[in-house]
Protein backbone atom coordinates (compact mmCIF):
# COMPACT_ATOMS: atom_id res chain seq x y z
CA UNK A 1 0.00 0.00 0.00
CA UNK A 2 1.21 3.52 -0.75
CA UNK A 3 2.12 6.19 1.77
CA UNK A 4 -0.72 8.37 0.49
CA UNK A 5 -3.21 5.64 1.36
CA UNK A 6 -2.05 5.56 4.98
CA UNK A 7 -2.21 9.35 5.10
CA UNK A 8 -5.80 9.25 3.86
CA UNK A 9 -6.78 6.64 6.44
CA UNK A 10 -5.12 8.66 9.21
CA UNK A 11 -6.92 11.81 8.10
CA UNK A 12 -10.30 10.06 8.17
CA UNK A 13 -9.57 8.66 11.63
CA UNK A 14 -8.67 12.10 12.99
CA UNK A 15 -11.81 13.58 11.44
CA UNK A 16 -13.93 10.89 13.11
CA UNK A 17 -12.32 11.60 16.50
CA UNK A 18 -12.98 15.33 16.04
CA UNK A 19 -16.64 14.64 15.33
CA UNK A 20 -16.99 12.39 18.37
CA UNK A 21 -15.19 14.85 20.66
CA UNK A 22 -17.07 17.86 19.29
CA UNK A 23 -19.54 19.85 21.35
CA UNK A 24 -22.88 18.22 22.09
CA UNK A 25 -25.95 19.46 20.27
CA UNK A 26 -27.57 22.07 22.54
CA UNK A 27 -30.72 22.60 20.50
CA UNK A 28 -34.15 22.71 22.13
CA UNK A 29 -37.68 22.50 20.81
CA UNK A 30 -39.60 25.75 20.44
CA UNK A 31 -42.33 24.43 22.74
CA UNK A 32 -39.78 24.06 25.56
CA UNK A 33 -38.43 27.63 25.47
CA UNK A 34 -41.56 29.70 24.76
CA UNK A 35 -45.07 30.15 26.12
CA UNK A 36 -47.93 30.51 23.65
CA UNK A 37 -50.32 33.42 24.03
CA UNK A 38 -53.49 32.45 25.86
CA UNK A 39 -52.24 28.98 26.80
CA UNK A 40 -51.97 29.51 30.54
CA UNK A 41 -53.62 28.72 33.86
CA UNK A 42 -56.10 31.07 35.51
CA UNK A 43 -56.00 31.46 39.29
CA UNK A 44 -59.21 30.96 41.27
CA UNK A 45 -59.98 31.65 44.92
CA UNK A 46 -62.94 31.14 47.24
CA UNK A 47 -63.97 31.22 50.91
CA UNK A 48 -65.45 28.13 52.51
CA UNK A 49 -66.11 26.10 55.64
CA UNK A 50 -64.56 22.77 56.63
CA UNK A 51 -66.63 20.60 58.98
CA UNK A 52 -66.14 17.26 60.71
CA UNK A 53 -62.91 18.12 62.52
CA UNK A 54 -62.07 16.22 65.70
CA UNK A 55 -61.93 19.23 68.02
CA UNK A 56 -59.11 20.83 66.03
CA UNK A 57 -61.15 23.57 64.37
CA UNK A 58 -61.51 27.29 65.05
CA UNK A 59 -62.44 28.64 68.44
CA UNK A 60 -65.65 30.55 67.74
CA UNK A 61 -64.71 33.22 70.27
CA UNK A 62 -61.43 33.97 68.49
CA UNK A 63 -62.74 33.50 64.95
CA UNK A 64 -65.99 35.49 64.53
CA UNK A 65 -66.02 34.89 60.74
CA UNK A 66 -66.31 31.16 61.40
CA UNK A 67 -69.29 31.68 63.70
CA UNK A 68 -71.01 34.01 61.21
CA UNK A 69 -70.41 31.61 58.33
CA UNK A 70 -71.68 28.67 60.35
CA UNK A 71 -74.84 30.54 61.34
CA UNK A 72 -75.49 31.67 57.76
CA UNK A 73 -74.95 28.15 56.42
CA UNK A 74 -77.35 26.62 58.95
CA UNK A 75 -80.00 29.28 58.24
CA UNK A 76 -79.87 28.39 54.54
CA UNK A 77 -80.65 24.84 55.63
CA UNK A 78 -83.62 26.04 57.69
CA UNK A 79 -81.98 25.88 61.12
CA UNK A 80 -82.14 28.97 63.35
CA UNK A 81 -79.16 29.11 65.71
CA UNK A 82 -78.75 32.85 66.26
CA UNK A 83 -80.55 32.70 69.61
CA UNK A 84 -78.41 29.79 70.78
CA UNK A 85 -74.83 29.64 71.98
CA UNK A 86 -72.66 27.89 69.45
CA UNK A 87 -69.65 26.33 71.11
CA UNK A 88 -67.97 23.89 68.73
CA UNK A 89 -64.42 23.38 67.57
CA UNK A 90 -65.29 21.01 64.75
CA UNK A 91 -65.44 23.67 62.01
CA UNK A 92 -62.85 25.93 60.41
CA UNK A 93 -62.95 28.88 58.02
CA UNK A 94 -60.68 28.26 55.04
CA UNK A 95 -59.53 29.81 51.79
CA UNK A 96 -59.74 27.56 48.75
CA UNK A 97 -57.41 28.13 45.80
CA UNK A 98 -57.01 26.39 42.44
CA UNK A 99 -55.51 26.85 38.98
CA UNK A 100 -57.98 26.60 36.11
CA UNK A 101 -56.12 24.75 33.31
CA UNK A 102 -56.19 26.26 29.81
CA UNK A 103 -58.99 25.13 27.49
CA UNK A 104 -60.80 23.37 30.36
CA UNK A 105 -64.32 22.23 29.46
CA UNK A 106 -67.40 22.48 31.65
CA UNK A 107 -67.71 19.45 33.91
CA UNK A 108 -63.99 18.69 34.03
CA UNK A 109 -62.36 18.25 37.42
CA UNK A 110 -59.27 19.83 38.96
CA UNK A 111 -57.36 19.74 42.25
CA UNK A 112 -57.92 22.41 44.90
CA UNK A 113 -55.88 23.58 47.90
CA UNK A 114 -57.47 24.35 51.28
CA UNK A 115 -55.81 26.58 53.93
CA UNK A 116 -57.07 27.71 57.33
CA UNK A 117 -57.91 31.32 58.20
CA UNK A 118 -58.43 31.15 61.96
CA UNK A 119 -56.77 29.33 64.84
CA UNK A 120 -57.63 25.80 63.74
CA UNK A 121 -54.97 23.26 64.70
CA UNK A 122 -55.55 20.72 61.93
CA UNK A 123 -57.78 19.99 58.94
CA UNK A 124 -57.20 16.24 59.16
CA UNK A 125 -60.43 14.35 58.48
CA UNK A 126 -62.43 17.47 57.62
CA UNK A 127 -64.84 17.91 54.72
CA UNK A 128 -65.05 21.08 52.67
CA UNK A 129 -68.61 22.19 51.97
CA UNK A 130 -69.59 23.48 48.52
CA UNK A 131 -67.43 26.54 47.80
CA UNK A 132 -67.62 28.82 44.78
CA UNK A 133 -64.24 29.61 43.18
CA UNK A 134 -63.98 32.97 41.44
CA UNK A 135 -61.51 34.51 39.02
CA UNK A 136 -60.02 37.98 38.98
CA UNK A 137 -63.10 39.24 37.09
CA UNK A 138 -65.43 38.21 39.93
CA UNK A 139 -67.10 35.46 37.91
CA UNK A 140 -67.55 31.94 39.32
CA UNK A 141 -65.64 29.40 37.23
CA UNK A 142 -65.73 26.33 39.48
CA UNK A 143 -67.11 24.86 42.70
CA UNK A 144 -65.20 22.69 45.17
CA UNK A 145 -66.21 20.10 47.75
CA UNK A 146 -64.70 17.00 49.29
CA UNK A 147 -62.55 15.46 52.00
CA UNK A 148 -59.34 17.34 52.81
CA UNK A 149 -56.11 15.34 52.71
CA UNK A 150 -53.27 16.97 54.66
CA UNK A 151 -50.63 14.25 54.55
CA UNK A 152 -49.46 15.33 57.99
CA UNK A 153 -49.53 14.10 61.59
CA UNK A 154 -50.40 16.14 64.66
CA UNK A 155 -50.72 14.82 68.21
CA UNK A 156 -50.74 16.43 71.64
CA UNK A 157 -50.82 15.37 75.29
CA UNK A 158 -52.51 16.71 78.41
CA UNK A 159 -49.20 18.09 79.70
CA UNK A 160 -48.94 20.40 76.70
CA UNK A 161 -46.39 18.37 74.76
CA UNK A 162 -47.15 17.92 71.08
CA UNK A 163 -45.65 16.39 67.94
CA UNK A 164 -46.35 17.76 64.46
CA UNK A 165 -45.11 16.41 61.16
CA UNK A 166 -45.89 18.40 58.04
CA UNK A 167 -48.39 21.27 57.90
CA UNK A 168 -51.78 20.08 59.18
CA UNK A 169 -53.44 23.48 58.61
CA UNK A 170 -53.28 23.14 54.81
CA UNK A 171 -54.32 20.32 52.53
CA UNK A 172 -55.53 19.32 49.07
CA UNK A 173 -58.63 17.77 47.60
CA UNK A 174 -57.72 15.65 44.59
CA UNK A 175 -60.19 16.31 41.76
CA UNK A 176 -62.29 18.25 44.28
CA UNK A 177 -63.18 21.10 41.93
CA UNK A 178 -65.73 20.94 39.10
CA UNK A 179 -65.45 23.51 36.32
CA UNK A 180 -68.73 25.36 35.74
CA UNK A 181 -67.65 28.05 33.26
CA UNK A 182 -65.12 28.10 30.42
CA UNK A 183 -62.77 31.00 29.78
CA UNK A 184 -64.05 31.37 26.22
CA UNK A 185 -60.57 31.61 24.66
CA UNK A 186 -60.69 30.38 21.03
CA UNK A 187 -57.20 29.84 19.73
CA UNK A 188 -58.31 28.29 16.44
CA UNK A 189 -59.82 31.61 15.27
CA UNK A 190 -56.70 33.72 15.92
CA UNK A 191 -54.95 35.35 12.96
CA UNK A 192 -51.71 36.20 14.79
CA UNK A 193 -50.25 34.32 17.74
CA UNK A 194 -47.49 35.70 19.95
CA UNK A 195 -44.89 33.41 21.50
CA UNK A 196 -43.21 34.63 24.70
CA UNK A 197 -39.65 33.55 25.41
CA UNK A 198 -39.17 32.24 28.93
CA UNK A 199 -35.62 33.64 28.88
CA UNK A 200 -35.74 36.82 26.75
CA UNK A 201 -32.83 37.19 24.35
CA UNK A 202 -32.41 38.93 20.99
CA UNK A 203 -30.43 36.09 19.42
CA UNK A 204 -32.83 33.38 20.54
CA UNK A 205 -35.84 35.34 19.28
CA UNK A 206 -34.15 35.80 15.89
CA UNK A 207 -33.31 32.10 15.67
CA UNK A 208 -36.90 31.11 16.45
CA UNK A 209 -38.21 33.39 13.72
CA UNK A 210 -35.64 32.01 11.25
CA UNK A 211 -36.57 28.43 12.12
CA UNK A 212 -40.28 29.08 11.55
CA UNK A 213 -39.65 31.02 8.33
CA UNK A 214 -37.44 28.21 7.11
CA UNK A 215 -40.43 25.88 7.31
CA UNK A 216 -43.16 28.41 6.50
CA UNK A 217 -41.63 31.44 4.72
CA UNK A 218 -42.83 34.86 5.88
CA UNK A 219 -44.91 33.56 8.81
CA UNK A 220 -42.78 34.71 11.77
CA UNK A 221 -41.36 38.01 13.00
CA UNK A 222 -39.21 38.69 16.08
CA UNK A 223 -40.77 41.84 17.56
CA UNK A 224 -38.43 42.17 20.56
CA UNK A 225 -36.26 39.93 22.78
CA UNK A 226 -39.39 38.47 24.37
CA UNK A 227 -42.07 38.28 21.64
CA UNK A 228 -42.05 36.36 18.37
CA UNK A 229 -45.30 36.83 16.40
CA UNK A 230 -46.41 34.11 13.98
CA UNK A 231 -49.20 34.05 11.41
CA UNK A 232 -50.69 30.82 10.09
CA UNK A 233 -50.20 30.34 6.32
CA UNK A 234 -53.17 30.26 3.98
CA UNK A 235 -55.24 27.10 4.23
CA UNK A 236 -54.01 26.19 7.74
CA UNK A 237 -55.73 26.97 11.05
CA UNK A 238 -53.75 28.16 14.07
CA UNK A 239 -53.94 24.82 15.94
CA UNK A 240 -52.43 22.92 13.01
CA UNK A 241 -49.81 25.63 12.52
CA UNK A 242 -48.69 25.56 16.17
CA UNK A 243 -48.53 21.76 16.03
CA UNK A 244 -46.23 22.02 13.01
CA UNK A 245 -43.80 24.57 14.51
CA UNK A 246 -43.63 23.68 18.19
CA UNK A 247 -41.26 20.77 17.56
CA UNK A 248 -38.82 22.79 15.43
CA UNK A 249 -35.41 22.90 17.10
CA UNK A 250 -33.35 26.02 17.78
CA UNK A 251 -30.22 26.67 19.82
CA UNK A 252 -31.06 29.07 22.68
CA UNK A 253 -28.60 31.80 23.56
CA UNK A 254 -28.23 33.72 26.81
CA UNK A 255 -25.99 36.47 28.22
CA UNK A 256 -23.05 35.46 30.40
CA UNK A 257 -24.23 35.44 34.00
CA UNK A 258 -23.02 34.29 37.41
CA UNK A 259 -25.72 33.41 39.96
CA UNK A 260 -24.68 33.57 43.62
CA UNK A 261 -26.74 32.34 46.58
CA UNK A 262 -24.84 33.68 49.59
CA UNK A 263 -27.12 31.98 52.11
CA UNK A 264 -26.59 28.45 50.77
CA UNK A 265 -23.12 29.13 49.37
CA UNK A 266 -24.10 28.06 45.84
CA UNK A 267 -22.52 29.42 42.67
CA UNK A 268 -23.82 28.79 39.14
CA UNK A 269 -21.89 30.04 36.10
CA UNK A 270 -22.78 29.84 32.43
CA UNK A 271 -20.40 28.51 29.81
CA UNK A 272 -20.07 31.97 28.19
CA UNK A 273 -18.44 33.52 31.26
CA UNK A 274 -15.01 34.90 30.34
CA UNK A 275 -12.17 36.32 32.43
CA UNK A 276 -9.75 39.01 31.28
CA UNK A 277 -6.09 38.93 32.32
CA UNK A 278 -6.10 38.86 36.11
CA UNK A 279 -4.02 37.53 39.04
CA UNK A 280 -5.67 36.00 42.11
CA UNK A 281 -4.24 35.26 45.55
CA UNK A 282 -6.25 33.93 48.46
CA UNK A 283 -5.29 33.11 52.02
CA UNK A 284 -6.79 32.73 55.47
CA UNK A 285 -5.77 34.51 58.66
CA UNK A 286 -6.82 32.82 61.92
CA UNK A 287 -6.60 34.56 65.32
CA UNK A 288 -7.11 32.31 68.33
CA UNK A 289 -7.64 33.53 71.91
CA UNK A 290 -7.58 30.98 74.74
CA UNK A 291 -8.52 31.75 78.34
CA UNK A 292 -6.91 29.54 81.03
CA UNK A 293 -7.98 30.07 84.66
CA UNK A 294 -5.20 30.25 87.26
CA UNK A 295 -5.37 30.33 91.07
CA UNK A 296 -3.76 33.26 92.94
CA UNK A 297 -2.82 32.17 96.49
CA UNK A 298 -2.11 34.96 99.05
CA UNK A 299 0.96 34.87 101.31
CA UNK A 300 0.55 33.38 104.80
CA UNK A 301 -0.96 35.72 107.42
CA UNK A 302 -1.57 38.38 104.73
CA UNK A 303 -5.34 38.30 105.22
CA UNK A 304 -5.74 38.01 101.47
CA UNK A 305 -8.21 35.82 99.59
CA UNK A 306 -7.67 33.07 97.12
CA UNK A 307 -8.91 34.24 93.71
CA UNK A 308 -9.09 32.87 90.19
CA UNK A 309 -7.10 34.95 87.72
CA UNK A 310 -7.65 34.42 83.95
CA UNK A 311 -4.59 33.99 81.78
CA UNK A 312 -4.96 34.78 78.07
CA UNK A 313 -2.97 33.23 75.23
CA UNK A 314 -3.25 34.82 71.79
CA UNK A 315 -1.93 33.09 68.66
CA UNK A 316 -2.05 34.14 65.02
CA UNK A 317 -1.87 31.63 62.17
CA UNK A 318 -1.68 32.58 58.52
CA UNK A 319 -2.21 29.88 55.93
CA UNK A 320 0.81 29.49 53.71
CA UNK A 321 1.54 27.66 50.51
CA UNK A 322 -1.12 29.43 48.43
CA UNK A 323 0.24 30.57 45.10
CA UNK A 324 -0.69 33.58 43.04
CA UNK A 325 -2.97 32.31 40.27
CA UNK A 326 -2.79 34.02 36.91
CA UNK A 327 -5.51 33.74 34.28
CA UNK A 328 -4.86 34.87 30.73
CA UNK A 329 -7.15 37.08 28.75
CA UNK A 330 -10.33 35.36 27.53
CA UNK A 331 -10.03 32.48 29.99
CA UNK A 332 -13.01 30.15 29.80
CA UNK A 333 -15.28 28.86 32.55
CA UNK A 334 -13.27 25.63 32.71
CA UNK A 335 -10.03 27.55 33.27
CA UNK A 336 -11.62 29.74 35.94
CA UNK A 337 -13.09 26.81 37.89
CA UNK A 338 -9.89 24.82 37.57
CA UNK A 339 -7.80 27.73 38.81
CA UNK A 340 -10.03 28.43 41.80
CA UNK A 341 -10.07 24.73 42.69
CA UNK A 342 -6.27 24.76 42.48
CA UNK A 343 -6.25 27.43 45.17
CA UNK A 344 -8.38 25.16 47.32
CA UNK A 345 -10.98 27.83 48.06
CA UNK A 346 -14.35 27.07 49.59
CA UNK A 347 -17.60 28.11 47.83
CA UNK A 348 -17.99 31.09 50.18
CA UNK A 349 -14.42 32.23 49.48
CA UNK A 350 -15.12 31.75 45.78
CA UNK A 351 -18.08 34.15 46.09
CA UNK A 352 -15.80 36.86 47.46
CA UNK A 353 -13.21 36.19 44.76
CA UNK A 354 -15.77 36.42 41.95
CA UNK A 355 -17.14 39.67 43.34
CA UNK A 356 -13.60 41.06 43.59
CA UNK A 357 -12.85 40.02 39.99
CA UNK A 358 -16.07 41.73 38.86
CA UNK A 359 -15.12 44.88 40.76
CA UNK A 360 -11.75 44.92 38.97
CA UNK A 361 -13.54 44.78 35.61
CA UNK A 362 -11.97 41.45 34.65
CA UNK A 363 -15.16 39.36 34.81
CA UNK A 364 -17.08 39.61 31.54
CA UNK A 365 -20.46 38.58 32.94
CA UNK A 366 -23.29 39.86 35.09
CA UNK A 367 -23.36 38.81 38.74
CA UNK A 368 -26.81 38.21 40.25
CA UNK A 369 -26.93 37.76 44.02
CA UNK A 370 -29.97 35.94 45.32
């Protein structure tokens, strides 16, 4: 075989290794990085009464709204209790919340959350009576009723000791809400649909528009870093059009950013973070003060008293062996992390170092402190 043949085989092998070792495909589907206009939950809220509690409900003296609600509910059932003296702890006033799913039809069910308003100790075993759930417009969109499941444990003794696991004053009712009114949103009749980027970015918005226009020319326009407007082509309704474009893949882009959680000591850095030419040195200075008691004994016949006298020992230790780390211009995230790990710094020390690098103007990224 000729030398050129071996050279060709070697070149193909190197090309194959380069392909295998190349960067992984970071593309995402459009449906995973945007939210479609109108396709969202609607928050509902209502006020109700939970009954059947085992003495863990509201104290009617401390929760007048519970007493008024109980009296009004009984009067609607034909029972007059206003002249009597209600003294029960088996009921509790609660707020009921739920999220109305998009495109929900009348008669469909949804989960609801129940939370106490008064001084009730637990909702375990209670039953929520029929409660109307209203939207922000004041209209009733659902009703809720059912047994409350708290998933918690609460027990107490006569001596005042108690054990609580979880939050017994809040619970859920699985499929406890029935939808009575639809939102009326008709997506199929829309001419223009706006897609909202979950992470606004000019480049990502432009790439989404290019991907849609590559499949359906002239149907998408990036209006700003957050909104990409699309129009269904002739002969296709909006539902079919969204189905066709939501699985198109694009590569999202984002600005370089460093997220710092000082409370938990967590640092998250994006791959686009770059460091200009900078030198870093880090060390720890420890000052230790020890107090050792000593006995002071007076001389014989001096009429003095034996006393304890503290003796202080102060020592200063400075950690040595740390080298000055130098990072060249345009250093990548891998180089930065490797250099800081070489210094042996803790996450909290790393937070201070990153903030100092940013203050020097050498960190080409935004720092967001949570």
